[in-house]
């Protein structure tokens, strides 16, 4: 009888424990969590560095290099090829000349030209340099163009040239109006408007040019030539 009572008591205790709500308490150790977090960060950094080393992830330097590569061609457009440049003052520049150097050289050229202006004496001159002609027939030829130089040591003016062969006079004269010529400057011109036909090609011919400033005759020059 005592054994049955003891067994009943044990069964009741087991059933009570079985039917009782179970409670689970979890305790977290923050020190261990921090350590795990640091380890994770280190592993991530090691993974990134390894990936960059093997080229799986572009490194920062490669990105900067790409940006530089995009900028460099733009800068190169503002440079000329590597050349040796002799400046007007005689100095030599070796290597790549930039646009700034070219601009400086151009400015020095302009200054040099201004320094070479002719003195203002109040005079003008006209020179016939060359007469170009073509033989057209047995006894006929034609002046095709005339090269001449105007020297202006007076004021700015618009030159007008009147030309003719003396054998025919004003009956066959031609007039050419040129662009303005500044004081102290000289200009060489080749005009195809000064063209004249003539016979007697075995005879010496004389070309006469007149230089006008407005309606005023400033200079008259002549040049003889033979048709060969």
C-alpha atoms as a PDB file:
ATOM      1  CA  UNK A   1       0.000   0.000   0.000  1.00  0.00           C
ATOM      2  CA  UNK A   2       2.843   2.331   0.776  1.00  0.00           C
ATOM      3  CA  UNK A   3       4.431   1.630  -2.610  1.00  0.00           C
ATOM      4  CA  UNK A   4       1.246   2.563  -4.442  1.00  0.00           C
ATOM      5  CA  UNK A   5       1.029   5.843  -2.559  1.00  0.00           C
ATOM      6  CA  UNK A   6       4.614   6.606  -3.377  1.00  0.00           C
ATOM      7  CA  UNK A   7       4.100   5.844  -7.066  1.00  0.00           C
ATOM      8  CA  UNK A   8       0.979   8.002  -7.185  1.00  0.00           C
ATOM      9  CA  UNK A   9       2.858  10.892  -5.674  1.00  0.00           C
ATOM     10  CA  UNK A  10       5.666  10.625  -8.178  1.00  0.00           C
ATOM     11  CA  UNK A  11       3.229  10.398 -11.096  1.00  0.00           C
ATOM     12  CA  UNK A  12       1.366  13.470  -9.881  1.00  0.00           C
ATOM     13  CA  UNK A  13       4.627  15.384  -9.557  1.00  0.00           C
ATOM     14  CA  UNK A  14       5.676  14.437 -13.059  1.00  0.00           C
ATOM     15  CA  UNK A  15       2.314  15.441 -14.501  1.00  0.00           C
ATOM     16  CA  UNK A  16       2.446  18.736 -12.665  1.00  0.00           C
ATOM     17  CA  UNK A  17       5.893  19.488 -14.037  1.00  0.00           C
ATOM     18  CA  UNK A  18       4.824  18.378 -17.540  1.00  0.00           C
ATOM     19  CA  UNK A  19       1.802  20.626 -17.602  1.00  0.00           C
ATOM     20  CA  UNK A  20       3.611  23.626 -16.055  1.00  0.00           C
ATOM     21  CA  UNK A  21       4.628  26.381 -18.457  1.00  0.00           C
ATOM     22  CA  UNK A  22       8.287  26.200 -19.341  1.00  0.00           C
ATOM     23  CA  UNK A  23      10.350  29.349 -19.038  1.00  0.00           C
ATOM     24  CA  UNK A  24      13.691  29.825 -20.845  1.00  0.00           C
ATOM     25  CA  UNK A  25      16.039  32.554 -19.821  1.00  0.00           C
ATOM     26  CA  UNK A  26      18.783  33.627 -22.293  1.00  0.00           C
ATOM     27  CA  UNK A  27      21.598  35.732 -21.047  1.00  0.00           C
ATOM     28  CA  UNK A  28      23.679  37.676 -23.623  1.00  0.00           C
ATOM     29  CA  UNK A  29      27.278  38.540 -23.042  1.00  0.00           C
ATOM     30  CA  UNK A  30      27.855  42.001 -24.628  1.00  0.00           C
ATOM     31  CA  UNK A  31      31.596  41.585 -24.490  1.00  0.00           C
ATOM     32  CA  UNK A  32      31.360  38.558 -26.754  1.00  0.00           C
ATOM     33  CA  UNK A  33      29.068  40.473 -29.164  1.00  0.00           C
ATOM     34  CA  UNK A  34      31.512  43.364 -29.476  1.00  0.00           C
ATOM     35  CA  UNK A  35      34.336  40.972 -30.144  1.00  0.00           C
ATOM     36  CA  UNK A  36      32.288  39.205 -32.808  1.00  0.00           C
ATOM     37  CA  UNK A  37      31.450  42.579 -34.411  1.00  0.00           C
ATOM     38  CA  UNK A  38      35.104  43.572 -34.619  1.00  0.00           C
ATOM     39  CA  UNK A  39      35.993  40.231 -36.108  1.00  0.00           C
ATOM     40  CA  UNK A  40      33.237  40.656 -38.720  1.00  0.00           C
ATOM     41  CA  UNK A  41      34.460  44.136 -39.694  1.00  0.00           C
ATOM     42  CA  UNK A  42      38.028  42.884 -40.040  1.00  0.00           C
ATOM     43  CA  UNK A  43      36.854  39.998 -42.222  1.00  0.00           C
ATOM     44  CA  UNK A  44      34.868  42.393 -44.462  1.00  0.00           C
ATOM     45  CA  UNK A  45      37.880  44.711 -44.877  1.00  0.00           C
ATOM     46  CA  UNK A  46      40.154  41.784 -45.659  1.00  0.00           C
ATOM     47  CA  UNK A  47      37.604  40.568 -48.238  1.00  0.00           C
ATOM     48  CA  UNK A  48      37.444  44.017 -49.930  1.00  0.00           C
ATOM     49  CA  UNK A  49      41.231  44.344 -50.063  1.00  0.00           C
ATOM     50  CA  UNK A  50      41.543  40.844 -51.509  1.00  0.00           C
ATOM     51  CA  UNK A  51      38.875  41.570 -54.140  1.00  0.00           C
ATOM     52  CA  UNK A  52      40.619  44.809 -55.143  1.00  0.00           C
ATOM     53  CA  UNK A  53      43.954  43.001 -55.365  1.00  0.00           C
ATOM     54  CA  UNK A  54      42.473  40.447 -57.780  1.00  0.00           C
ATOM     55  CA  UNK A  55      40.670  43.138 -59.743  1.00  0.00           C
ATOM     56  CA  UNK A  56      37.168  42.100 -58.760  1.00  0.00           C
ATOM     57  CA  UNK A  57      36.461  45.558 -57.311  1.00  0.00           C
ATOM     58  CA  UNK A  58      37.956  48.739 -58.902  1.00  0.00           C
ATOM     59  CA  UNK A  59      40.396  50.430 -56.552  1.00  0.00           C
ATOM     60  CA  UNK A  60      40.094  54.126 -55.708  1.00  0.00           C
ATOM     61  CA  UNK A  61      43.282  54.948 -57.571  1.00  0.00           C
ATOM     62  CA  UNK A  62      41.952  53.380 -60.770  1.00  0.00           C
ATOM     63  CA  UNK A  63      38.845  55.590 -60.630  1.00  0.00           C
ATOM     64  CA  UNK A  64      40.972  58.702 -60.208  1.00  0.00           C
ATOM     65  CA  UNK A  65      43.162  57.525 -63.062  1.00  0.00           C
ATOM     66  CA  UNK A  66      40.118  57.182 -65.345  1.00  0.00           C
ATOM     67  CA  UNK A  67      39.003  60.730 -64.536  1.00  0.00           C
ATOM     68  CA  UNK A  68      42.509  62.003 -65.241  1.00  0.00           C
ATOM     69  CA  UNK A  69      42.573  60.123 -68.545  1.00  0.00           C
ATOM     70  CA  UNK A  70      39.355  61.897 -69.553  1.00  0.00           C
ATOM     71  CA  UNK A  71      40.774  65.313 -68.689  1.00  0.00           C
ATOM     72  CA  UNK A  72      44.192  64.850 -70.275  1.00  0.00           C
ATOM     73  CA  UNK A  73      42.968  64.759 -73.936  1.00  0.00           C
ATOM     74  CA  UNK A  74      41.173  68.057 -73.365  1.00  0.00           C
ATOM     75  CA  UNK A  75      44.384  69.607 -72.095  1.00  0.00           C
ATOM     76  CA  UNK A  76      46.289  68.119 -75.038  1.00  0.00           C
ATOM     77  CA  UNK A  77      43.973  69.899 -77.480  1.00  0.00           C
ATOM     78  CA  UNK A  78      45.330  73.202 -76.180  1.00  0.00           C
ATOM     79  CA  UNK A  79      48.904  72.161 -76.972  1.00  0.00           C
ATOM     80  CA  UNK A  80      50.785  71.908 -80.238  1.00  0.00           C
ATOM     81  CA  UNK A  81      53.060  69.024 -81.121  1.00  0.00           C
ATOM     82  CA  UNK A  82      56.610  68.991 -79.799  1.00  0.00           C
ATOM     83  CA  UNK A  83      58.486  71.464 -81.976  1.00  0.00           C
ATOM     84  CA  UNK A  84      61.421  73.820 -81.735  1.00  0.00           C
ATOM     85  CA  UNK A  85      60.248  77.424 -81.872  1.00  0.00           C
ATOM     86  CA  UNK A  86      62.512  80.374 -82.627  1.00  0.00           C
ATOM     87  CA  UNK A  87      61.021  83.567 -81.211  1.00  0.00           C
ATOM     88  CA  UNK A  88      61.449  86.929 -82.984  1.00  0.00           C
ATOM     89  CA  UNK A  89      64.060  88.020 -80.426  1.00  0.00           C
ATOM     90  CA  UNK A  90      66.223  85.010 -81.343  1.00  0.00           C
ATOM     91  CA  UNK A  91      65.477  82.903 -78.268  1.00  0.00           C
ATOM     92  CA  UNK A  92      64.629  79.214 -78.761  1.00  0.00           C
ATOM     93  CA  UNK A  93      61.801  77.239 -77.137  1.00  0.00           C
ATOM     94  CA  UNK A  94      62.236  73.426 -77.140  1.00  0.00           C
ATOM     95  CA  UNK A  95      59.396  70.973 -76.607  1.00  0.00           C
ATOM     96  CA  UNK A  96      55.661  71.468 -76.569  1.00  0.00           C
ATOM     97  CA  UNK A  97      54.443  75.030 -77.102  1.00  0.00           C
ATOM     98  CA  UNK A  98      51.155  75.993 -75.535  1.00  0.00           C
ATOM     99  CA  UNK A  99      48.566  78.373 -76.943  1.00  0.00           C
ATOM    100  CA  UNK A 100      49.821  81.011 -74.488  1.00  0.00           C
ATOM    101  CA  UNK A 101      53.329  80.825 -75.960  1.00  0.00           C
ATOM    102  CA  UNK A 102      51.941  81.074 -79.492  1.00  0.00           C
ATOM    103  CA  UNK A 103      49.911  84.137 -78.505  1.00  0.00           C
ATOM    104  CA  UNK A 104      53.005  85.714 -76.973  1.00  0.00           C
ATOM    105  CA  UNK A 105      54.963  85.084 -80.174  1.00  0.00           C
ATOM    106  CA  UNK A 106      52.193  86.650 -82.280  1.00  0.00           C
ATOM    107  CA  UNK A 107      52.170  89.728 -80.042  1.00  0.00           C
ATOM    108  CA  UNK A 108      55.923  90.063 -80.415  1.00  0.00           C
ATOM    109  CA  UNK A 109      55.558  89.821 -84.202  1.00  0.00           C
ATOM    110  CA  UNK A 110      52.982  92.627 -84.191  1.00  0.00           C
ATOM    111  CA  UNK A 111      55.242  94.783 -82.021  1.00  0.00           C
ATOM    112  CA  UNK A 112      58.166  94.077 -84.336  1.00  0.00           C
ATOM    113  CA  UNK A 113      56.114  95.055 -87.380  1.00  0.00           C
ATOM    114  CA  UNK A 114      55.045  98.266 -85.690  1.00  0.00           C
ATOM    115  CA  UNK A 115      58.682  99.069 -84.928  1.00  0.00           C
ATOM    116  CA  UNK A 116      59.521  98.608 -88.631  1.00  0.00           C
ATOM    117  CA  UNK A 117      57.073 101.261 -89.830  1.00  0.00           C
ATOM    118  CA  UNK A 118      58.587 103.713 -92.268  1.00  0.00           C
ATOM    119  CA  UNK A 119      59.348 107.228 -91.048  1.00  0.00           C
ATOM    120  CA  UNK A 120      56.683 109.781 -91.921  1.00  0.00           C
ATOM    121  CA  UNK A 121      58.278 112.189 -94.400  1.00  0.00           C
ATOM    122  CA  UNK A 122      55.144 113.306 -96.261  1.00  0.00           C
ATOM    123  CA  UNK A 123      56.249 111.463 -99.400  1.00  0.00           C
ATOM    124  CA  UNK A 124      54.824 108.581-101.436  1.00  0.00           C
ATOM    125  CA  UNK A 125      56.525 106.330-103.940  1.00  0.00           C
ATOM    126  CA  UNK A 126      55.415 103.864-106.609  1.00  0.00           C
ATOM    127  CA  UNK A 127      57.656 101.168-108.121  1.00  0.00           C
ATOM    128  CA  UNK A 128      56.888  98.841-111.045  1.00  0.00           C
ATOM    129  CA  UNK A 129      58.457  95.504-110.111  1.00  0.00           C
ATOM    130  CA  UNK A 130      57.417  93.167-112.916  1.00  0.00           C
ATOM    131  CA  UNK A 131      55.350  93.109-116.106  1.00  0.00           C
ATOM    132  CA  UNK A 132      53.891  89.727-117.075  1.00  0.00           C
ATOM    133  CA  UNK A 133      52.900  89.313-120.729  1.00  0.00           C
ATOM    134  CA  UNK A 134      51.906  86.542-123.149  1.00  0.00           C
ATOM    135  CA  UNK A 135      52.484  86.430-126.919  1.00  0.00           C
ATOM    136  CA  UNK A 136      49.119  85.791-128.543  1.00  0.00           C
ATOM    137  CA  UNK A 137      50.039  85.878-132.272  1.00  0.00           C
ATOM    138  CA  UNK A 138      52.688  86.706-134.830  1.00  0.00           C
ATOM    139  CA  UNK A 139      52.411  90.414-134.098  1.00  0.00           C
ATOM    140  CA  UNK A 140      50.194  90.574-131.042  1.00  0.00           C
ATOM    141  CA  UNK A 141      50.867  90.210-127.319  1.00  0.00           C
ATOM    142  CA  UNK A 142      49.089  91.082-124.111  1.00  0.00           C
ATOM    143  CA  UNK A 143      50.165  92.277-120.663  1.00  0.00           C
ATOM    144  CA  UNK A 144      48.393  89.868-118.281  1.00  0.00           C
ATOM    145  CA  UNK A 145      49.343  91.392-114.897  1.00  0.00           C
ATOM    146  CA  UNK A 146      51.563  93.999-113.289  1.00  0.00           C
ATOM    147  CA  UNK A 147      53.407  93.720-109.962  1.00  0.00           C
ATOM    148  CA  UNK A 148      54.090  97.017-108.201  1.00  0.00           C
ATOM    149  CA  UNK A 149      54.939  98.416-104.760  1.00  0.00           C
ATOM    150  CA  UNK A 150      53.450 101.460-103.028  1.00  0.00           C
ATOM    151  CA  UNK A 151      55.472 103.157-100.276  1.00  0.00           C
ATOM    152  CA  UNK A 152      53.401 105.443 -98.051  1.00  0.00           C
ATOM    153  CA  UNK A 153      55.329 107.834 -95.803  1.00  0.00           C
ATOM    154  CA  UNK A 154      52.394 110.237 -95.602  1.00  0.00           C
ATOM    155  CA  UNK A 155      48.876 109.826 -94.177  1.00  0.00           C
ATOM    156  CA  UNK A 156      46.435 106.904 -94.379  1.00  0.00           C
ATOM    157  CA  UNK A 157      44.756 106.813 -97.783  1.00  0.00           C
ATOM    158  CA  UNK A 158      43.023 104.596-100.347  1.00  0.00           C
ATOM    159  CA  UNK A 159      45.412 104.172-103.314  1.00  0.00           C
ATOM    160  CA  UNK A 160      44.115 104.376-106.865  1.00  0.00           C
ATOM    161  CA  UNK A 161      46.313 103.194-109.750  1.00  0.00           C
ATOM    162  CA  UNK A 162      45.798 104.263-113.358  1.00  0.00           C
ATOM    163  CA  UNK A 163      47.863 102.378-115.942  1.00  0.00           C
ATOM    164  CA  UNK A 164      48.335 102.398-119.721  1.00  0.00           C
ATOM    165  CA  UNK A 165      50.866 101.680-122.465  1.00  0.00           C
ATOM    166  CA  UNK A 166      52.293 104.929-123.800  1.00  0.00           C
ATOM    167  CA  UNK A 167      51.881 103.696-127.403  1.00  0.00           C
ATOM    168  CA  UNK A 168      48.088 103.774-126.908  1.00  0.00           C
ATOM    169  CA  UNK A 169      47.714 106.455-124.256  1.00  0.00           C
ATOM    170  CA  UNK A 170      44.501 106.956-122.303  1.00  0.00           C
ATOM    171  CA  UNK A 171      42.486 105.136-124.988  1.00  0.00           C
ATOM    172  CA  UNK A 172      43.284 101.851-123.246  1.00  0.00           C
ATOM    173  CA  UNK A 173      43.953 102.938-119.657  1.00  0.00           C
ATOM    174  CA  UNK A 174      42.841 100.804-116.703  1.00  0.00           C
ATOM    175  CA  UNK A 175      42.012 101.893-113.148  1.00  0.00           C
ATOM    176  CA  UNK A 176      42.475  99.851-109.982  1.00  0.00           C
ATOM    177  CA  UNK A 177      41.333 100.941-106.502  1.00  0.00           C
ATOM    178  CA  UNK A 178      43.082  99.182-103.616  1.00  0.00           C
ATOM    179  CA  UNK A 179      42.429  98.700 -99.904  1.00  0.00           C
ATOM    180  CA  UNK A 180      43.459 101.467 -97.509  1.00  0.00           C
ATOM    181  CA  UNK A 181      47.194 101.840 -96.948  1.00  0.00           C
ATOM    182  CA  UNK A 182      48.271 103.035 -93.494  1.00  0.00           C
ATOM    183  CA  UNK A 183      50.865 105.747 -92.914  1.00  0.00           C
ATOM    184  CA  UNK A 184      54.368 104.311 -92.616  1.00  0.00           C
ATOM    185  CA  UNK A 185      53.477 101.115 -94.490  1.00  0.00           C
ATOM    186  CA  UNK A 186      54.444  99.722 -97.891  1.00  0.00           C
ATOM    187  CA  UNK A 187      52.520  97.196 -99.942  1.00  0.00           C
ATOM    188  CA  UNK A 188      53.350  94.927-102.880  1.00  0.00           C
ATOM    189  CA  UNK A 189      50.453  94.159-105.218  1.00  0.00           C
ATOM    190  CA  UNK A 190      49.985  92.027-108.338  1.00  0.00           C
ATOM    191  CA  UNK A 191      46.979  93.230-110.309  1.00  0.00           C
ATOM    192  CA  UNK A 192      45.374  91.229-113.106  1.00  0.00           C
ATOM    193  CA  UNK A 193      43.162  94.220-113.877  1.00  0.00           C
ATOM    194  CA  UNK A 194      46.103  96.045-115.399  1.00  0.00           C
ATOM    195  CA  UNK A 195      45.980  94.148-118.689  1.00  0.00           C
ATOM    196  CA  UNK A 196      46.764  95.661-122.106  1.00  0.00           C
ATOM    197  CA  UNK A 197      46.950  94.285-125.645  1.00  0.00           C
ATOM    198  CA  UNK A 198      49.536  95.614-128.119  1.00  0.00           C
ATOM    199  CA  UNK A 199      50.935  95.093-131.619  1.00  0.00           C
ATOM    200  CA  UNK A 200      54.454  95.678-132.930  1.00  0.00           C
ATOM    201  CA  UNK A 201      55.835  93.161-130.481  1.00  0.00           C
ATOM    202  CA  UNK A 202      59.354  93.634-131.855  1.00  0.00           C
ATOM    203  CA  UNK A 203      59.348  97.216-130.585  1.00  0.00           C
ATOM    204  CA  UNK A 204      60.094  98.334-127.055  1.00  0.00           C
ATOM    205  CA  UNK A 205      56.955  99.042-125.047  1.00  0.00           C
ATOM    206  CA  UNK A 206      56.538 101.454-122.134  1.00  0.00           C
ATOM    207  CA  UNK A 207      54.072 100.943-119.286  1.00  0.00           C
ATOM    208  CA  UNK A 208      53.083 103.976-117.250  1.00  0.00           C
ATOM    209  CA  UNK A 209      51.410 103.879-113.819  1.00  0.00           C
ATOM    210  CA  UNK A 210      49.938 106.826-111.929  1.00  0.00           C
ATOM    211  CA  UNK A 211      49.270 106.844-108.172  1.00  0.00           C
ATOM    212  CA  UNK A 212      46.323 108.921-106.917  1.00  0.00           C
ATOM    213  CA  UNK A 213      45.231 109.922-103.416  1.00  0.00           C
ATOM    214  CA  UNK A 214      41.605 110.817-103.983  1.00  0.00           C
ATOM    215  CA  UNK A 215      41.671 112.994-107.094  1.00  0.00           C
ATOM    216  CA  UNK A 216      45.239 114.175-106.494  1.00  0.00           C
ATOM    217  CA  UNK A 217      48.041 112.687-108.598  1.00  0.00           C
ATOM    218  CA  UNK A 218      50.857 111.750-106.203  1.00  0.00           C
ATOM    219  CA  UNK A 219      53.326 109.818-108.346  1.00  0.00           C
ATOM    220  CA  UNK A 220      53.915 108.791-111.970  1.00  0.00           C
ATOM    221  CA  UNK A 221      56.362 106.022-112.933  1.00  0.00           C
ATOM    222  CA  UNK A 222      57.255 104.275-116.198  1.00  0.00           C
ATOM    223  CA  UNK A 223      58.951 101.001-117.089  1.00  0.00           C
ATOM    224  CA  UNK A 224      60.046  99.879-120.549  1.00  0.00           C
ATOM    225  CA  UNK A 225      60.054  96.227-121.599  1.00  0.00           C
ATOM    226  CA  UNK A 226      60.662  94.097-124.658  1.00  0.00           C
ATOM    227  CA  UNK A 227      58.615  91.146-125.845  1.00  0.00           C
ATOM    228  CA  UNK A 228      60.933  88.157-126.203  1.00  0.00           C
END
